[in-house]
Amino acid sequence: MRNPKLVPYETIVRATSGEPEAIDEVLRHYSKRIRLASLENGHVNKDTEDNIKRRLIAALFQFRFDGQPT
C-alpha cells in the first residue's frame, strides 16, 4: 500500500532524469505547501512561489540515489 503523503519512487526517478511530466507531478504534489510557504500578509507572493519551485526543480536534478553527496 502506497503512502499518499509521499511522491512515488518511480516519479522521483523520472523527475531526476528530467522528464517534464514527472517534474510537474512533483510540483503538483507539493503545490499546497509551496503556496503556504509563499504567503506574505495573507497573499501569495508570486516571486517567492516561483523561487521555491525553481529551487525544488534544481534539487531534483542534484538528487543522487547512490547515497553519495552531490
PDB file of N, CA and C in Angstrom:
ATOM      1  N   MET A   1       0.846  -1.172   0.000  1.00  0.00           N
ATOM      2  CA  MET A   1       0.000   0.000   0.000  1.00  0.00           C
ATOM      3  C   MET A   1       0.898   1.244   0.000  1.00  0.00           C
ATOM      4  N   ARG A   2       0.553   2.203  -0.830  1.00  0.00           N
ATOM      5  CA  ARG A   2       1.329   3.412  -1.031  1.00  0.00           C
ATOM      6  C   ARG A   2       0.919   4.493  -0.039  1.00  0.00           C
ATOM      7  N   ASN A   3       1.903   5.238   0.464  1.00  0.00           N
ATOM      8  CA  ASN A   3       1.641   6.353   1.360  1.00  0.00           C
ATOM      9  C   ASN A   3       1.322   7.586   0.507  1.00  0.00           C
ATOM     10  N   PRO A   4       0.092   8.122   0.587  1.00  0.00           N
ATOM     11  CA  PRO A   4      -0.293   9.253  -0.267  1.00  0.00           C
ATOM     12  C   PRO A   4       0.455  10.547   0.065  1.00  0.00           C
ATOM     13  N   LYS A   5       1.132  10.586   1.203  1.00  0.00           N
ATOM     14  CA  LYS A   5       1.879  11.788   1.560  1.00  0.00           C
ATOM     15  C   LYS A   5       3.241  11.848   0.873  1.00  0.00           C
ATOM     16  N   LEU A   6       3.636  10.744   0.227  1.00  0.00           N
ATOM     17  CA  LEU A   6       4.938  10.675  -0.418  1.00  0.00           C
ATOM     18  C   LEU A   6       4.783  10.642  -1.936  1.00  0.00           C
ATOM     19  N   VAL A   7       5.739  11.246  -2.613  1.00  0.00           N
ATOM     20  CA  VAL A   7       5.790  11.137  -4.067  1.00  0.00           C
ATOM     21  C   VAL A   7       6.312   9.736  -4.378  1.00  0.00           C
ATOM     22  N   PRO A   8       5.673   9.014  -5.293  1.00  0.00           N
ATOM     23  CA  PRO A   8       6.145   7.660  -5.618  1.00  0.00           C
ATOM     24  C   PRO A   8       7.604   7.667  -6.085  1.00  0.00           C
ATOM     25  N   TYR A   9       8.329   6.643  -5.681  1.00  0.00           N
ATOM     26  CA  TYR A   9       9.742   6.498  -6.025  1.00  0.00           C
ATOM     27  C   TYR A   9       9.955   6.594  -7.541  1.00  0.00           C
ATOM     28  N   GLU A  10       9.114   5.936  -8.305  1.00  0.00           N
ATOM     29  CA  GLU A  10       9.245   5.934  -9.756  1.00  0.00           C
ATOM     30  C   GLU A  10       9.142   7.347 -10.321  1.00  0.00           C
ATOM     31  N   THR A  11       8.279   8.151  -9.729  1.00  0.00           N
ATOM     32  CA  THR A  11       8.118   9.538 -10.175  1.00  0.00           C
ATOM     33  C   THR A  11       9.381  10.338  -9.887  1.00  0.00           C
ATOM     34  N   ILE A  12       9.967  10.133  -8.727  1.00  0.00           N
ATOM     35  CA  ILE A  12      11.211  10.825  -8.384  1.00  0.00           C
ATOM     36  C   ILE A  12      12.317  10.444  -9.358  1.00  0.00           C
ATOM     37  N   VAL A  13      12.416   9.158  -9.667  1.00  0.00           N
ATOM     38  CA  VAL A  13      13.442   8.697 -10.610  1.00  0.00           C
ATOM     39  C   VAL A  13      13.241   9.376 -11.961  1.00  0.00           C
ATOM     40  N   ARG A  14      12.006   9.405 -12.444  1.00  0.00           N
ATOM     41  CA  ARG A  14      11.726  10.037 -13.739  1.00  0.00           C
ATOM     42  C   ARG A  14      11.993  11.538 -13.691  1.00  0.00           C
ATOM     43  N   ALA A  15      11.640  12.180 -12.583  1.00  0.00           N
ATOM     44  CA  ALA A  15      11.850  13.627 -12.453  1.00  0.00           C
ATOM     45  C   ALA A  15      13.334  13.974 -12.423  1.00  0.00           C
ATOM     46  N   THR A  16      14.125  13.159 -11.744  1.00  0.00           N
ATOM     47  CA  THR A  16      15.562  13.447 -11.669  1.00  0.00           C
ATOM     48  C   THR A  16      16.245  13.267 -13.018  1.00  0.00           C
ATOM     49  N   SER A  17      15.622  12.509 -13.908  1.00  0.00           N
ATOM     50  CA  SER A  17      16.184  12.356 -15.252  1.00  0.00           C
ATOM     51  C   SER A  17      15.659  13.415 -16.208  1.00  0.00           C
ATOM     52  N   GLY A  18      14.797  14.322 -15.703  1.00  0.00           N
ATOM     53  CA  GLY A  18      14.350  15.463 -16.500  1.00  0.00           C
ATOM     54  C   GLY A  18      13.035  15.285 -17.228  1.00  0.00           C
ATOM     55  N   GLU A  19      12.286  14.250 -16.920  1.00  0.00           N
ATOM     56  CA  GLU A  19      11.003  14.040 -17.591  1.00  0.00           C
ATOM     57  C   GLU A  19      10.006  15.121 -17.147  1.00  0.00           C
ATOM     58  N   PRO A  20       9.543  15.966 -18.078  1.00  0.00           N
ATOM     59  CA  PRO A  20       8.675  17.098 -17.716  1.00  0.00           C
ATOM     60  C   PRO A  20       7.399  16.701 -16.973  1.00  0.00           C
ATOM     61  N   GLU A  21       6.766  15.592 -17.381  1.00  0.00           N
ATOM     62  CA  GLU A  21       5.527  15.177 -16.725  1.00  0.00           C
ATOM     63  C   GLU A  21       5.773  14.801 -15.268  1.00  0.00           C
ATOM     64  N   ALA A  22       6.900  14.171 -15.011  1.00  0.00           N
ATOM     65  CA  ALA A  22       7.234  13.771 -13.638  1.00  0.00           C
ATOM     66  C   ALA A  22       7.557  14.998 -12.784  1.00  0.00           C
ATOM     67  N   ILE A  23       8.263  15.956 -13.366  1.00  0.00           N
ATOM     68  CA  ILE A  23       8.564  17.201 -12.643  1.00  0.00           C
ATOM     69  C   ILE A  23       7.269  17.913 -12.297  1.00  0.00           C
ATOM     70  N   ASP A  24       6.340  17.988 -13.246  1.00  0.00           N
ATOM     71  CA  ASP A  24       5.038  18.605 -12.975  1.00  0.00           C
ATOM     72  C   ASP A  24       4.293  17.868 -11.873  1.00  0.00           C
ATOM     73  N   GLU A  25       4.395  16.550 -11.861  1.00  0.00           N
ATOM     74  CA  GLU A  25       3.730  15.756 -10.825  1.00  0.00           C
ATOM     75  C   GLU A  25       4.302  16.077  -9.440  1.00  0.00           C
ATOM     76  N   VAL A  26       5.607  16.233  -9.356  1.00  0.00           N
ATOM     77  CA  VAL A  26       6.246  16.589  -8.081  1.00  0.00           C
ATOM     78  C   VAL A  26       5.783  17.993  -7.653  1.00  0.00           C
ATOM     79  N   LEU A  27       5.766  18.928  -8.582  1.00  0.00           N
ATOM     80  CA  LEU A  27       5.315  20.290  -8.260  1.00  0.00           C
ATOM     81  C   LEU A  27       3.855  20.292  -7.814  1.00  0.00           C
ATOM     82  N   ARG A  28       3.012  19.510  -8.474  1.00  0.00           N
ATOM     83  CA  ARG A  28       1.593  19.418  -8.073  1.00  0.00           C
ATOM     84  C   ARG A  28       1.475  18.815  -6.672  1.00  0.00           C
ATOM     85  N   HIS A  29       2.282  17.802  -6.398  1.00  0.00           N
ATOM     86  CA  HIS A  29       2.231  17.148  -5.090  1.00  0.00           C
ATOM     87  C   HIS A  29       2.519  18.149  -3.961  1.00  0.00           C
ATOM     88  N   TYR A  30       3.466  19.039  -4.194  1.00  0.00           N
ATOM     89  CA  TYR A  30       3.866  19.993  -3.165  1.00  0.00           C
ATOM     90  C   TYR A  30       3.227  21.371  -3.331  1.00  0.00           C
ATOM     91  N   SER A  31       2.279  21.523  -4.244  1.00  0.00           N
ATOM     92  CA  SER A  31       1.725  22.844  -4.557  1.00  0.00           C
ATOM     93  C   SER A  31       1.090  23.533  -3.346  1.00  0.00           C
ATOM     94  N   LYS A  32       0.371  22.798  -2.521  1.00  0.00           N
ATOM     95  CA  LYS A  32      -0.261  23.426  -1.346  1.00  0.00           C
ATOM     96  C   LYS A  32       0.793  23.910  -0.354  1.00  0.00           C
ATOM     97  N   ARG A  33       1.815  23.121  -0.145  1.00  0.00           N
ATOM     98  CA  ARG A  33       2.888  23.525   0.779  1.00  0.00           C
ATOM     99  C   ARG A  33       3.653  24.724   0.226  1.00  0.00           C
ATOM    100  N   ILE A  34       3.880  24.716  -1.079  1.00  0.00           N
ATOM    101  CA  ILE A  34       4.587  25.837  -1.708  1.00  0.00           C
ATOM    102  C   ILE A  34       3.773  27.113  -1.560  1.00  0.00           C
ATOM    103  N   ARG A  35       2.472  27.035  -1.817  1.00  0.00           N
ATOM    104  CA  ARG A  35       1.603  28.219  -1.657  1.00  0.00           C
ATOM    105  C   ARG A  35       1.607  28.713  -0.215  1.00  0.00           C
ATOM    106  N   LEU A  36       1.513  27.801   0.713  1.00  0.00           N
ATOM    107  CA  LEU A  36       1.512  28.180   2.132  1.00  0.00           C
ATOM    108  C   LEU A  36       2.823  28.870   2.504  1.00  0.00           C
ATOM    109  N   ALA A  37       3.929  28.347   2.017  1.00  0.00           N
ATOM    110  CA  ALA A  37       5.235  28.948   2.306  1.00  0.00           C
ATOM    111  C   ALA A  37       5.416  30.289   1.605  1.00  0.00           C
ATOM    112  N   SER A  38       4.601  30.559   0.578  1.00  0.00           N
ATOM    113  CA  SER A  38       4.712  31.796  -0.202  1.00  0.00           C
ATOM    114  C   SER A  38       3.819  32.919   0.319  1.00  0.00           C
ATOM    115  N   LEU A  39       3.051  32.631   1.352  1.00  0.00           N
ATOM    116  CA  LEU A  39       2.131  33.647   1.883  1.00  0.00           C
ATOM    117  C   LEU A  39       2.885  34.768   2.587  1.00  0.00           C
ATOM    118  N   GLU A  40       2.505  35.976   2.252  1.00  0.00           N
ATOM    119  CA  GLU A  40       3.014  37.169   2.931  1.00  0.00           C
ATOM    120  C   GLU A  40       1.831  38.103   3.159  1.00  0.00           C
ATOM    121  N   ASN A  41       1.552  38.392   4.404  1.00  0.00           N
ATOM    122  CA  ASN A  41       0.421  39.251   4.762  1.00  0.00           C
ATOM    123  C   ASN A  41      -0.894  38.741   4.175  1.00  0.00           C
ATOM    124  N   GLY A  42      -1.068  37.422   4.172  1.00  0.00           N
ATOM    125  CA  GLY A  42      -2.311  36.826   3.702  1.00  0.00           C
ATOM    126  C   GLY A  42      -2.427  36.680   2.198  1.00  0.00           C
ATOM    127  N   HIS A  43      -1.400  37.046   1.448  1.00  0.00           N
ATOM    128  CA  HIS A  43      -1.437  36.956  -0.015  1.00  0.00           C
ATOM    129  C   HIS A  43      -0.236  36.152  -0.506  1.00  0.00           C
ATOM    130  N   VAL A  44      -0.444  35.432  -1.588  1.00  0.00           N
ATOM    131  CA  VAL A  44       0.643  34.649  -2.175  1.00  0.00           C
ATOM    132  C   VAL A  44       1.585  35.596  -2.909  1.00  0.00           C
ATOM    133  N   ASN A  45       2.846  35.536  -2.552  1.00  0.00           N
ATOM    134  CA  ASN A  45       3.875  36.301  -3.247  1.00  0.00           C
ATOM    135  C   ASN A  45       4.361  35.429  -4.401  1.00  0.00           C
ATOM    136  N   LYS A  46       4.032  35.823  -5.640  1.00  0.00           N
ATOM    137  CA  LYS A  46       4.353  35.014  -6.815  1.00  0.00           C
ATOM    138  C   LYS A  46       5.866  34.840  -6.989  1.00  0.00           C
ATOM    139  N   ASP A  47       6.640  35.878  -6.656  1.00  0.00           N
ATOM    140  CA  ASP A  47       8.094  35.757  -6.775  1.00  0.00           C
ATOM    141  C   ASP A  47       8.625  34.683  -5.827  1.00  0.00           C
ATOM    142  N   THR A  48       8.117  34.680  -4.607  1.00  0.00           N
ATOM    143  CA  THR A  48       8.524  33.668  -3.632  1.00  0.00           C
ATOM    144  C   THR A  48       8.092  32.284  -4.089  1.00  0.00           C
ATOM    145  N   GLU A  49       6.871  32.171  -4.579  1.00  0.00           N
ATOM    146  CA  GLU A  49       6.357  30.893  -5.069  1.00  0.00           C
ATOM    147  C   GLU A  49       7.226  30.370  -6.224  1.00  0.00           C
ATOM    148  N   ASP A  50       7.543  31.238  -7.172  1.00  0.00           N
ATOM    149  CA  ASP A  50       8.387  30.842  -8.303  1.00  0.00           C
ATOM    150  C   ASP A  50       9.786  30.442  -7.843  1.00  0.00           C
ATOM    151  N   ASN A  51      10.323  31.156  -6.869  1.00  0.00           N
ATOM    152  CA  ASN A  51      11.652  30.841  -6.347  1.00  0.00           C
ATOM    153  C   ASN A  51      11.669  29.459  -5.678  1.00  0.00           C
ATOM    154  N   ILE A  52      10.648  29.157  -4.912  1.00  0.00           N
ATOM    155  CA  ILE A  52      10.560  27.844  -4.262  1.00  0.00           C
ATOM    156  C   ILE A  52      10.474  26.745  -5.311  1.00  0.00           C
ATOM    157  N   LYS A  53       9.674  26.961  -6.349  1.00  0.00           N
ATOM    158  CA  LYS A  53       9.550  25.967  -7.418  1.00  0.00           C
ATOM    159  C   LYS A  53      10.883  25.764  -8.136  1.00  0.00           C
ATOM    160  N   ARG A  54      11.578  26.850  -8.425  1.00  0.00           N
ATOM    161  CA  ARG A  54      12.888  26.743  -9.086  1.00  0.00           C
ATOM    162  C   ARG A  54      13.868  25.952  -8.226  1.00  0.00           C
ATOM    163  N   ARG A  55      13.864  26.224  -6.938  1.00  0.00           N
ATOM    164  CA  ARG A  55      14.789  25.527  -6.034  1.00  0.00           C
ATOM    165  C   ARG A  55      14.435  24.048  -5.908  1.00  0.00           C
ATOM    166  N   LEU A  56      13.150  23.725  -5.915  1.00  0.00           N
ATOM    167  CA  LEU A  56      12.730  22.320  -5.866  1.00  0.00           C
ATOM    168  C   LEU A  56      13.177  21.594  -7.128  1.00  0.00           C
ATOM    169  N   ILE A  57      13.004  22.210  -8.281  1.00  0.00           N
ATOM    170  CA  ILE A  57      13.432  21.592  -9.540  1.00  0.00           C
ATOM    171  C   ILE A  57      14.950  21.411  -9.543  1.00  0.00           C
ATOM    172  N   ALA A  58      15.681  22.422  -9.086  1.00  0.00           N
ATOM    173  CA  ALA A  58      17.144  22.316  -9.020  1.00  0.00           C
ATOM    174  C   ALA A  58      17.553  21.170  -8.096  1.00  0.00           C
ATOM    175  N   ALA A  59      16.851  21.011  -6.984  1.00  0.00           N
ATOM    176  CA  ALA A  59      17.163  19.930  -6.044  1.00  0.00           C
ATOM    177  C   ALA A  59      16.893  18.563  -6.676  1.00  0.00           C
ATOM    178  N   LEU A  60      15.862  18.475  -7.505  1.00  0.00           N
ATOM    179  CA  LEU A  60      15.588  17.209  -8.186  1.00  0.00           C
ATOM    180  C   LEU A  60      16.764  16.799  -9.068  1.00  0.00           C
ATOM    181  N   PHE A  61      17.338  17.763  -9.780  1.00  0.00           N
ATOM    182  CA  PHE A  61      18.432  17.446 -10.692  1.00  0.00           C
ATOM    183  C   PHE A  61      19.731  17.143  -9.949  1.00  0.00           C
ATOM    184  N   GLN A  62      19.825  17.523  -8.685  1.00  0.00           N
ATOM    185  CA  GLN A  62      21.014  17.231  -7.887  1.00  0.00           C
ATOM    186  C   GLN A  62      20.863  15.952  -7.070  1.00  0.00           C
ATOM    187  N   PHE A  63      19.670  15.400  -7.025  1.00  0.00           N
ATOM    188  CA  PHE A  63      19.384  14.229  -6.200  1.00  0.00           C
ATOM    189  C   PHE A  63      20.168  13.028  -6.702  1.00  0.00           C
ATOM    190  N   ARG A  64      20.798  12.311  -5.773  1.00  0.00           N
ATOM    191  CA  ARG A  64      21.575  11.110  -6.114  1.00  0.00           C
ATOM    192  C   ARG A  64      20.984   9.922  -5.379  1.00  0.00           C
ATOM    193  N   PHE A  65      20.920   8.806  -6.046  1.00  0.00           N
ATOM    194  CA  PHE A  65      20.346   7.595  -5.475  1.00  0.00           C
ATOM    195  C   PHE A  65      21.393   6.688  -4.846  1.00  0.00           C
ATOM    196  N   ASP A  66      22.668   6.994  -5.040  1.00  0.00           N
ATOM    197  CA  ASP A  66      23.724   6.119  -4.533  1.00  0.00           C
ATOM    198  C   ASP A  66      24.204   6.502  -3.136  1.00  0.00           C
ATOM    199  N   GLY A  67      23.599   7.519  -2.544  1.00  0.00           N
ATOM    200  CA  GLY A  67      23.961   7.915  -1.193  1.00  0.00           C
ATOM    201  C   GLY A  67      25.188   8.807  -1.110  1.00  0.00           C
ATOM    202  N   GLN A  68      25.787   9.117  -2.233  1.00  0.00           N
ATOM    203  CA  GLN A  68      26.964   9.987  -2.270  1.00  0.00           C
ATOM    204  C   GLN A  68      26.524  11.448  -2.336  1.00  0.00           C
ATOM    205  N   PRO A  69      27.244  12.346  -1.674  1.00  0.00           N
ATOM    206  CA  PRO A  69      26.895  13.768  -1.752  1.00  0.00           C
ATOM    207  C   PRO A  69      27.120  14.289  -3.167  1.00  0.00           C
ATOM    208  N   THR A  70      26.348  15.330  -3.510  1.00  0.00           N
ATOM    209  CA  THR A  70      26.483  15.916  -4.851  1.00  0.00           C
ATOM    210  C   THR A  70      27.611  16.899  -4.921  1.00  0.00           C
TER     211      THR A  70
END
